[in-house]
Amino acid sequence: MKISIYQIAIERDANRLAFRSLEHMTSAGGGRIPAELYDCVYTGEVAAETLEDIFYIFNAAHPLGYKGRSLSVSDVVEIFPASGESEFYFCEPIGFKRICFEKSRTGR
């Protein structure tokens, strides 16, 4: 499965939104996720079929060359299905929630 992972750049996180829930993030962000705080830290193919597989890989078996933090709350996973447009998922304290994410506003 092809994916990208976006994480909040701590140096740009003046409001300390990293590692917070989606509810807290959207409340503090005026109803939106502040994509400008995020950097893309990984894009590539992984041997995963579910979001839970991705969570495991990016916590216990990082792909070679991965430089980001372990996948955690407030991180965004982009999935590129073969059938169409990419989908974005926000990592919550328990599970993932599908979200709208303006990746064109990310730092890199």
Protein backbone atom coordinates (compact mmCIF):
# COMPACT_ATOMS: atom_id res chain seq x y z
CA MET A 1 0.00 0.00 0.00
CA LYS A 2 1.32 3.45 -0.88
CA ILE A 3 1.08 5.97 1.96
CA SER A 4 2.39 9.29 3.21
CA ILE A 5 2.76 10.30 6.85
CA TYR A 6 2.47 13.88 8.07
CA GLN A 7 3.64 15.00 11.51
CA ILE A 8 3.49 18.35 13.26
CA ALA A 9 6.80 20.20 13.16
CA ILE A 10 7.37 20.89 16.85
CA GLU A 11 9.30 24.11 16.11
CA ARG A 12 6.21 25.60 14.38
CA ASP A 13 3.73 24.34 17.01
CA ALA A 14 3.34 27.51 19.12
CA ASN A 15 -0.06 26.37 20.44
CA ARG A 16 1.17 22.89 21.43
CA LEU A 17 -1.24 20.95 19.25
CA ALA A 18 1.06 17.98 18.68
CA PHE A 19 -0.12 14.79 20.35
CA ARG A 20 -3.64 16.20 20.90
CA SER A 21 -6.96 14.69 19.79
CA LEU A 22 -8.85 15.70 16.67
CA GLU A 23 -11.50 17.42 18.79
CA HIS A 24 -8.87 19.55 20.53
CA MET A 25 -7.09 20.26 17.23
CA THR A 26 -10.18 21.45 15.39
CA SER A 27 -11.38 23.45 18.38
CA ALA A 28 -8.07 25.30 18.60
CA GLY A 29 -7.80 25.57 14.80
CA GLY A 30 -11.13 27.27 14.20
CA GLY A 31 -12.79 24.11 12.93
CA ARG A 32 -9.94 22.95 10.69
CA ILE A 33 -6.72 21.04 10.99
CA PRO A 34 -3.82 23.50 10.63
CA ALA A 35 -1.98 21.69 7.82
CA GLU A 36 0.69 24.42 7.77
CA LEU A 37 2.07 22.94 11.01
CA TYR A 38 2.68 19.56 9.36
CA ASP A 39 5.59 18.19 7.36
CA CYS A 40 5.49 15.07 5.21
CA VAL A 41 7.98 12.73 6.91
CA TYR A 42 7.43 9.64 4.76
CA THR A 43 6.07 8.59 1.39
CA GLY A 44 6.41 5.07 0.12
CA GLU A 45 5.10 1.55 -0.14
CA VAL A 46 4.53 -0.49 3.01
CA ALA A 47 3.36 -4.06 3.54
CA ALA A 48 0.08 -3.06 5.19
CA GLU A 49 -3.58 -3.73 4.60
CA THR A 50 -5.13 -1.63 7.38
CA LEU A 51 -4.46 1.54 9.35
CA GLU A 52 -3.68 -0.66 12.35
CA ASP A 53 -0.95 -2.37 10.28
CA ILE A 54 0.49 1.05 9.47
CA PHE A 55 0.38 2.01 13.15
CA TYR A 56 2.34 -1.13 14.03
CA ILE A 57 4.93 -0.61 11.29
CA PHE A 58 5.59 2.99 12.29
CA ASN A 59 5.90 2.12 15.97
CA ALA A 60 7.66 -1.24 16.04
CA ALA A 61 9.23 -1.87 12.63
CA HIS A 62 10.13 1.45 10.98
CA PRO A 63 10.92 1.16 7.27
CA LEU A 64 14.57 1.61 6.35
CA GLY A 65 15.40 5.30 6.11
CA TYR A 66 12.34 6.52 8.03
CA LYS A 67 13.31 9.65 9.99
CA GLY A 68 10.01 10.65 11.64
CA ARG A 69 8.78 9.99 15.17
CA SER A 70 6.82 6.88 16.00
CA LEU A 71 3.26 7.25 14.72
CA SER A 72 1.17 8.93 17.40
CA VAL A 73 -1.88 11.04 18.16
CA SER A 74 -2.20 14.07 15.85
CA ASP A 75 -0.29 12.42 12.98
CA VAL A 76 -2.02 12.19 9.60
CA VAL A 77 -1.81 9.16 7.31
CA GLU A 78 -2.56 9.56 3.62
CA ILE A 79 -3.53 6.41 1.74
CA PHE A 80 -3.35 6.21 -2.05
CA PRO A 81 -5.93 3.61 -3.11
CA ALA A 82 -5.49 2.17 -6.59
CA SER A 83 -9.10 3.05 -7.35
CA GLY A 84 -9.06 6.82 -6.91
CA GLU A 85 -8.21 9.88 -4.83
CA SER A 86 -6.11 9.71 -1.73
CA GLU A 87 -7.74 9.55 1.71
CA PHE A 88 -6.52 11.16 4.93
CA TYR A 89 -6.80 9.70 8.43
CA PHE A 90 -6.06 11.41 11.75
CA CYS A 91 -4.44 9.25 14.45
CA GLU A 92 -6.60 9.49 17.57
CA PRO A 93 -5.89 8.21 21.10
CA ILE A 94 -7.82 5.12 20.00
CA GLY A 95 -8.03 4.41 16.28
CA PHE A 96 -8.19 6.72 13.27
CA LYS A 97 -10.76 9.15 11.87
CA ARG A 98 -11.10 10.06 8.22
CA ILE A 99 -10.53 13.80 7.71
CA CYS A 100 -10.19 16.54 5.13
CA PHE A 101 -6.55 17.67 5.01
CA GLU A 102 -5.07 20.43 2.86
CA LYS A 103 -1.73 18.82 2.08
CA SER A 104 -0.83 21.69 -0.26
CA ARG A 105 -0.48 23.85 2.90
CA THR A 106 2.07 21.57 4.58
CA GLY A 107 5.63 22.71 5.19
CA ARG A 108 7.23 20.06 2.99
